[in-house]
């Protein structure tokens, strides 16, 4: 939530925290990256893989928190 609140809001005016599932067969192709400390680990999916990423989402995307 810190990234959405403290980085995204000042940069773009809002931030969102979402939760969703991704097929393991897709996500296993990527490494987990440090996005600002051990508490902020994430997968970095290259833009050219966005269509495959979207196709690998399973179920619905839930907005957990929003920062207007």
PDB file of N, CA and C in Angstrom:
ATOM      1  N   UNK A   1       0.813  -1.191   0.000  1.00  0.00           N
ATOM      2  CA  UNK A   1       0.000   0.000   0.000  1.00  0.00           C
ATOM      3  C   UNK A   1       0.859   1.258   0.000  1.00  0.00           C
ATOM      4  N   UNK A   2       2.055   1.137   0.557  1.00  0.00           N
ATOM      5  CA  UNK A   2       2.942   2.294   0.634  1.00  0.00           C
ATOM      6  C   UNK A   2       3.274   2.838  -0.752  1.00  0.00           C
ATOM      7  N   UNK A   3       3.544   1.965  -1.705  1.00  0.00           N
ATOM      8  CA  UNK A   3       3.880   2.432  -3.054  1.00  0.00           C
ATOM      9  C   UNK A   3       2.696   3.160  -3.682  1.00  0.00           C
ATOM     10  N   UNK A   4       1.496   2.588  -3.562  1.00  0.00           N
ATOM     11  CA  UNK A   4       0.300   3.229  -4.129  1.00  0.00           C
ATOM     12  C   UNK A   4       0.058   4.589  -3.486  1.00  0.00           C
ATOM     13  N   UNK A   5       0.216   4.649  -2.174  1.00  0.00           N
ATOM     14  CA  UNK A   5      -0.075   5.885  -1.437  1.00  0.00           C
ATOM     15  C   UNK A   5       1.037   6.921  -1.579  1.00  0.00           C
ATOM     16  N   UNK A   6       2.288   6.495  -1.362  1.00  0.00           N
ATOM     17  CA  UNK A   6       3.383   7.455  -1.256  1.00  0.00           C
ATOM     18  C   UNK A   6       4.079   7.762  -2.586  1.00  0.00           C
ATOM     19  N   UNK A   7       3.988   6.865  -3.559  1.00  0.00           N
ATOM     20  CA  UNK A   7       4.661   7.080  -4.833  1.00  0.00           C
ATOM     21  C   UNK A   7       3.661   7.417  -5.937  1.00  0.00           C
ATOM     22  N   UNK A   8       2.610   6.596  -6.070  1.00  0.00           N
ATOM     23  CA  UNK A   8       1.677   6.787  -7.180  1.00  0.00           C
ATOM     24  C   UNK A   8       0.820   8.037  -7.038  1.00  0.00           C
ATOM     25  N   UNK A   9       0.346   8.337  -5.829  1.00  0.00           N
ATOM     26  CA  UNK A   9      -0.509   9.513  -5.650  1.00  0.00           C
ATOM     27  C   UNK A   9       0.229  10.799  -6.031  1.00  0.00           C
ATOM     28  N   UNK A  10       1.440  11.038  -5.506  1.00  0.00           N
ATOM     29  CA  UNK A  10       2.131  12.268  -5.925  1.00  0.00           C
ATOM     30  C   UNK A  10       2.461  12.298  -7.421  1.00  0.00           C
ATOM     31  N   UNK A  11       2.746  11.141  -8.001  1.00  0.00           N
ATOM     32  CA  UNK A  11       3.139  11.091  -9.413  1.00  0.00           C
ATOM     33  C   UNK A  11       1.962  11.234 -10.361  1.00  0.00           C
ATOM     34  N   UNK A  12       0.788  10.653  -9.984  1.00  0.00           N
ATOM     35  CA  UNK A  12      -0.320  10.640 -10.945  1.00  0.00           C
ATOM     36  C   UNK A  12      -1.659  11.089 -10.361  1.00  0.00           C
ATOM     37  N   UNK A  13      -1.706  11.365  -9.073  1.00  0.00           N
ATOM     38  CA  UNK A  13      -2.943  11.852  -8.476  1.00  0.00           C
ATOM     39  C   UNK A  13      -3.799  10.788  -7.824  1.00  0.00           C
ATOM     40  N   UNK A  14      -3.477   9.506  -8.022  1.00  0.00           N
ATOM     41  CA  UNK A  14      -4.225   8.432  -7.366  1.00  0.00           C
ATOM     42  C   UNK A  14      -3.371   7.167  -7.355  1.00  0.00           C
ATOM     43  N   UNK A  15      -3.767   6.232  -6.499  1.00  0.00           N
ATOM     44  CA  UNK A  15      -3.066   4.951  -6.424  1.00  0.00           C
ATOM     45  C   UNK A  15      -4.033   3.858  -6.030  1.00  0.00           C
ATOM     46  N   UNK A  16      -3.786   2.654  -6.496  1.00  0.00           N
ATOM     47  CA  UNK A  16      -4.674   1.531  -6.229  1.00  0.00           C
ATOM     48  C   UNK A  16      -3.866   0.304  -5.840  1.00  0.00           C
ATOM     49  N   UNK A  17      -4.408  -0.456  -4.906  1.00  0.00           N
ATOM     50  CA  UNK A  17      -3.840  -1.745  -4.520  1.00  0.00           C
ATOM     51  C   UNK A  17      -4.836  -2.796  -4.983  1.00  0.00           C
ATOM     52  N   UNK A  18      -4.369  -3.741  -5.783  1.00  0.00           N
ATOM     53  CA  UNK A  18      -5.247  -4.775  -6.316  1.00  0.00           C
ATOM     54  C   UNK A  18      -4.762  -6.157  -5.897  1.00  0.00           C
ATOM     55  N   UNK A  19      -5.678  -7.123  -5.977  1.00  0.00           N
ATOM     56  CA  UNK A  19      -5.344  -8.513  -5.679  1.00  0.00           C
ATOM     57  C   UNK A  19      -5.950  -9.381  -6.770  1.00  0.00           C
ATOM     58  N   UNK A  20      -5.140 -10.306  -7.274  1.00  0.00           N
ATOM     59  CA  UNK A  20      -5.626 -11.224  -8.305  1.00  0.00           C
ATOM     60  C   UNK A  20      -4.683 -12.406  -8.386  1.00  0.00           C
ATOM     61  N   UNK A  21      -5.148 -13.458  -9.032  1.00  0.00           N
ATOM     62  CA  UNK A  21      -4.352 -14.662  -9.220  1.00  0.00           C
ATOM     63  C   UNK A  21      -3.850 -14.726 -10.651  1.00  0.00           C
ATOM     64  N   UNK A  22      -2.639 -15.271 -10.794  1.00  0.00           N
ATOM     65  CA  UNK A  22      -2.007 -15.428 -12.108  1.00  0.00           C
ATOM     66  C   UNK A  22      -1.544 -16.874 -12.232  1.00  0.00           C
ATOM     67  N   UNK A  23      -1.726 -17.451 -13.387  1.00  0.00           N
ATOM     68  CA  UNK A  23      -1.293 -18.841 -13.600  1.00  0.00           C
ATOM     69  C   UNK A  23       0.185 -19.004 -13.282  1.00  0.00           C
ATOM     70  N   UNK A  24       0.502 -20.006 -12.502  1.00  0.00           N
ATOM     71  CA  UNK A  24       1.884 -20.290 -12.103  1.00  0.00           C
ATOM     72  C   UNK A  24       2.767 -20.510 -13.333  1.00  0.00           C
ATOM     73  N   UNK A  25       2.238 -21.159 -14.357  1.00  0.00           N
ATOM     74  CA  UNK A  25       3.025 -21.428 -15.573  1.00  0.00           C
ATOM     75  C   UNK A  25       3.498 -20.138 -16.240  1.00  0.00           C
ATOM     76  N   UNK A  26       2.781 -19.045 -16.041  1.00  0.00           N
ATOM     77  CA  UNK A  26       3.197 -17.755 -16.588  1.00  0.00           C
ATOM     78  C   UNK A  26       4.174 -17.060 -15.644  1.00  0.00           C
ATOM     79  N   UNK A  27       3.799 -16.904 -14.396  1.00  0.00           N
ATOM     80  CA  UNK A  27       4.567 -16.079 -13.459  1.00  0.00           C
ATOM     81  C   UNK A  27       5.928 -16.686 -13.122  1.00  0.00           C
ATOM     82  N   UNK A  28       6.054 -17.995 -13.247  1.00  0.00           N
ATOM     83  CA  UNK A  28       7.338 -18.643 -12.958  1.00  0.00           C
ATOM     84  C   UNK A  28       8.446 -18.240 -13.931  1.00  0.00           C
ATOM     85  N   UNK A  29       8.090 -17.589 -15.024  1.00  0.00           N
ATOM     86  CA  UNK A  29       9.098 -17.132 -15.997  1.00  0.00           C
ATOM     87  C   UNK A  29       9.826 -15.869 -15.544  1.00  0.00           C
ATOM     88  N   UNK A  30       9.356 -15.233 -14.468  1.00  0.00           N
ATOM     89  CA  UNK A  30       9.870 -13.935 -14.036  1.00  0.00           C
ATOM     90  C   UNK A  30      10.448 -14.015 -12.634  1.00  0.00           C
ATOM     91  N   UNK A  31      11.447 -13.178 -12.387  1.00  0.00           N
ATOM     92  CA  UNK A  31      12.050 -13.083 -11.056  1.00  0.00           C
ATOM     93  C   UNK A  31      11.322 -12.041 -10.226  1.00  0.00           C
ATOM     94  N   UNK A  32      11.385 -12.198  -8.918  1.00  0.00           N
ATOM     95  CA  UNK A  32      10.853 -11.201  -7.994  1.00  0.00           C
ATOM     96  C   UNK A  32      11.915 -10.122  -7.835  1.00  0.00           C
ATOM     97  N   UNK A  33      11.496  -8.853  -7.923  1.00  0.00           N
ATOM     98  CA  UNK A  33      12.416  -7.718  -7.853  1.00  0.00           C
ATOM     99  C   UNK A  33      12.147  -6.890  -6.595  1.00  0.00           C
ATOM    100  N   UNK A  34      13.179  -6.218  -6.130  1.00  0.00           N
ATOM    101  CA  UNK A  34      13.094  -5.299  -4.999  1.00  0.00           C
ATOM    102  C   UNK A  34      12.621  -3.948  -5.533  1.00  0.00           C
ATOM    103  N   UNK A  35      11.471  -3.489  -5.052  1.00  0.00           N
ATOM    104  CA  UNK A  35      10.911  -2.212  -5.521  1.00  0.00           C
ATOM    105  C   UNK A  35      10.939  -1.166  -4.405  1.00  0.00           C
ATOM    106  N   UNK A  36      11.985  -1.202  -3.589  1.00  0.00           N
ATOM    107  CA  UNK A  36      12.075  -0.211  -2.524  1.00  0.00           C
ATOM    108  C   UNK A  36      12.234  -0.840  -1.155  1.00  0.00           C
ATOM    109  N   UNK A  37      12.841  -1.992  -1.075  1.00  0.00           N
ATOM    110  CA  UNK A  37      13.068  -2.655   0.205  1.00  0.00           C
ATOM    111  C   UNK A  37      12.388  -4.006   0.270  1.00  0.00           C
ATOM    112  N   UNK A  38      12.787  -4.802   1.243  1.00  0.00           N
ATOM    113  CA  UNK A  38      12.259  -6.162   1.401  1.00  0.00           C
ATOM    114  C   UNK A  38      10.735  -6.195   1.541  1.00  0.00           C
ATOM    115  N   UNK A  39      10.150  -5.135   2.043  1.00  0.00           N
ATOM    116  CA  UNK A  39       8.694  -5.091   2.202  1.00  0.00           C
ATOM    117  C   UNK A  39       7.994  -4.804   0.880  1.00  0.00           C
ATOM    118  N   UNK A  40       8.758  -4.502  -0.165  1.00  0.00           N
ATOM    119  CA  UNK A  40       8.181  -4.129  -1.455  1.00  0.00           C
ATOM    120  C   UNK A  40       8.770  -4.990  -2.566  1.00  0.00           C
ATOM    121  N   UNK A  41       8.447  -6.256  -2.525  1.00  0.00           N
ATOM    122  CA  UNK A  41       8.906  -7.178  -3.554  1.00  0.00           C
ATOM    123  C   UNK A  41       7.785  -7.380  -4.557  1.00  0.00           C
ATOM    124  N   UNK A  42       8.139  -7.434  -5.836  1.00  0.00           N
ATOM    125  CA  UNK A  42       7.119  -7.568  -6.866  1.00  0.00           C
ATOM    126  C   UNK A  42       7.703  -8.212  -8.117  1.00  0.00           C
ATOM    127  N   UNK A  43       6.824  -8.715  -8.934  1.00  0.00           N
ATOM    128  CA  UNK A  43       7.213  -9.207 -10.252  1.00  0.00           C
ATOM    129  C   UNK A  43       7.204  -8.030 -11.215  1.00  0.00           C
ATOM    130  N   UNK A  44       8.214  -7.941 -12.051  1.00  0.00           N
ATOM    131  CA  UNK A  44       8.251  -6.913 -13.092  1.00  0.00           C
ATOM    132  C   UNK A  44       7.990  -7.612 -14.409  1.00  0.00           C
ATOM    133  N   UNK A  45       6.855  -7.327 -15.009  1.00  0.00           N
ATOM    134  CA  UNK A  45       6.459  -7.934 -16.273  1.00  0.00           C
ATOM    135  C   UNK A  45       6.740  -6.922 -17.389  1.00  0.00           C
ATOM    136  N   UNK A  46       7.582  -7.256 -18.357  1.00  0.00           N
ATOM    137  CA  UNK A  46       7.872  -6.323 -19.450  1.00  0.00           C
ATOM    138  C   UNK A  46       6.611  -5.974 -20.241  1.00  0.00           C
ATOM    139  N   UNK A  47       6.561  -4.759 -20.738  1.00  0.00           N
ATOM    140  CA  UNK A  47       5.393  -4.287 -21.487  1.00  0.00           C
ATOM    141  C   UNK A  47       5.066  -5.192 -22.663  1.00  0.00           C
ATOM    142  N   UNK A  48       6.079  -5.742 -23.306  1.00  0.00           N
ATOM    143  CA  UNK A  48       5.815  -6.598 -24.467  1.00  0.00           C
ATOM    144  C   UNK A  48       5.133  -7.916 -24.076  1.00  0.00           C
ATOM    145  N   UNK A  49       5.107  -8.233 -22.784  1.00  0.00           N
ATOM    146  CA  UNK A  49       4.449  -9.456 -22.304  1.00  0.00           C
ATOM    147  C   UNK A  49       3.059  -9.188 -21.708  1.00  0.00           C
ATOM    148  N   UNK A  50       2.581  -7.951 -21.835  1.00  0.00           N
ATOM    149  CA  UNK A  50       1.324  -7.559 -21.207  1.00  0.00           C
ATOM    150  C   UNK A  50       0.131  -8.388 -21.677  1.00  0.00           C
ATOM    151  N   UNK A  51       0.030  -8.655 -22.960  1.00  0.00           N
ATOM    152  CA  UNK A  51      -1.096  -9.459 -23.451  1.00  0.00           C
ATOM    153  C   UNK A  51      -1.086 -10.852 -22.845  1.00  0.00           C
ATOM    154  N   UNK A  52       0.103 -11.475 -22.758  1.00  0.00           N
ATOM    155  CA  UNK A  52       0.208 -12.800 -22.140  1.00  0.00           C
ATOM    156  C   UNK A  52      -0.108 -12.737 -20.648  1.00  0.00           C
ATOM    157  N   UNK A  53       0.343 -11.664 -19.997  1.00  0.00           N
ATOM    158  CA  UNK A  53       0.039 -11.477 -18.579  1.00  0.00           C
ATOM    159  C   UNK A  53      -1.468 -11.395 -18.348  1.00  0.00           C
ATOM    160  N   UNK A  54      -2.134 -10.547 -19.120  1.00  0.00           N
ATOM    161  CA  UNK A  54      -3.585 -10.405 -18.983  1.00  0.00           C
ATOM    162  C   UNK A  54      -4.303 -11.730 -19.215  1.00  0.00           C
ATOM    163  N   UNK A  55      -3.835 -12.501 -20.181  1.00  0.00           N
ATOM    164  CA  UNK A  55      -4.454 -13.800 -20.461  1.00  0.00           C
ATOM    165  C   UNK A  55      -4.215 -14.801 -19.334  1.00  0.00           C
ATOM    166  N   UNK A  56      -3.170 -14.586 -18.532  1.00  0.00           N
ATOM    167  CA  UNK A  56      -2.836 -15.501 -17.441  1.00  0.00           C
ATOM    168  C   UNK A  56      -3.549 -15.166 -16.133  1.00  0.00           C
ATOM    169  N   UNK A  57      -4.277 -14.053 -16.098  1.00  0.00           N
ATOM    170  CA  UNK A  57      -5.030 -13.703 -14.891  1.00  0.00           C
ATOM    171  C   UNK A  57      -6.194 -14.671 -14.761  1.00  0.00           C
ATOM    172  N   UNK A  58      -6.360 -15.207 -13.550  1.00  0.00           N
ATOM    173  CA  UNK A  58      -7.415 -16.179 -13.256  1.00  0.00           C
ATOM    174  C   UNK A  58      -8.444 -15.526 -12.339  1.00  0.00           C
ATOM    175  N   UNK A  59      -9.696 -15.532 -12.730  1.00  0.00           N
ATOM    176  CA  UNK A  59     -10.744 -14.966 -11.885  1.00  0.00           C
ATOM    177  C   UNK A  59     -10.827 -13.460 -12.009  1.00  0.00           C
ATOM    178  N   UNK A  60     -11.272 -12.832 -10.937  1.00  0.00           N
ATOM    179  CA  UNK A  60     -11.508 -11.384 -10.954  1.00  0.00           C
ATOM    180  C   UNK A  60     -10.351 -10.622 -10.313  1.00  0.00           C
ATOM    181  N   UNK A  61     -10.276  -9.355 -10.631  1.00  0.00           N
ATOM    182  CA  UNK A  61      -9.313  -8.454 -10.022  1.00  0.00           C
ATOM    183  C   UNK A  61     -10.059  -7.649  -8.960  1.00  0.00           C
ATOM    184  N   UNK A  62      -9.549  -7.707  -7.750  1.00  0.00           N
ATOM    185  CA  UNK A  62     -10.196  -7.030  -6.616  1.00  0.00           C
ATOM    186  C   UNK A  62      -9.407  -5.788  -6.252  1.00  0.00           C
ATOM    187  N   UNK A  63     -10.076  -4.639  -6.122  1.00  0.00           N
ATOM    188  CA  UNK A  63      -9.434  -3.421  -5.608  1.00  0.00           C
ATOM    189  C   UNK A  63      -9.486  -3.518  -4.095  1.00  0.00           C
ATOM    190  N   UNK A  64      -8.324  -3.622  -3.464  1.00  0.00           N
ATOM    191  CA  UNK A  64      -8.216  -3.779  -2.019  1.00  0.00           C
ATOM    192  C   UNK A  64      -8.238  -2.420  -1.313  1.00  0.00           C
ATOM    193  N   UNK A  65      -7.615  -1.436  -1.960  1.00  0.00           N
ATOM    194  CA  UNK A  65      -7.528  -0.090  -1.375  1.00  0.00           C
ATOM    195  C   UNK A  65      -7.330   0.913  -2.487  1.00  0.00           C
ATOM    196  N   UNK A  66      -7.894   2.083  -2.332  1.00  0.00           N
ATOM    197  CA  UNK A  66      -7.664   3.153  -3.297  1.00  0.00           C
ATOM    198  C   UNK A  66      -7.274   4.434  -2.572  1.00  0.00           C
ATOM    199  N   UNK A  67      -6.429   5.197  -3.210  1.00  0.00           N
ATOM    200  CA  UNK A  67      -5.962   6.476  -2.662  1.00  0.00           C
ATOM    201  C   UNK A  67      -6.230   7.538  -3.722  1.00  0.00           C
ATOM    202  N   UNK A  68      -7.319   8.284  -3.564  1.00  0.00           N
ATOM    203  CA  UNK A  68      -7.661   9.314  -4.552  1.00  0.00           C
ATOM    204  C   UNK A  68      -6.777  10.549  -4.420  1.00  0.00           C
TER     205      UNK A  68
END
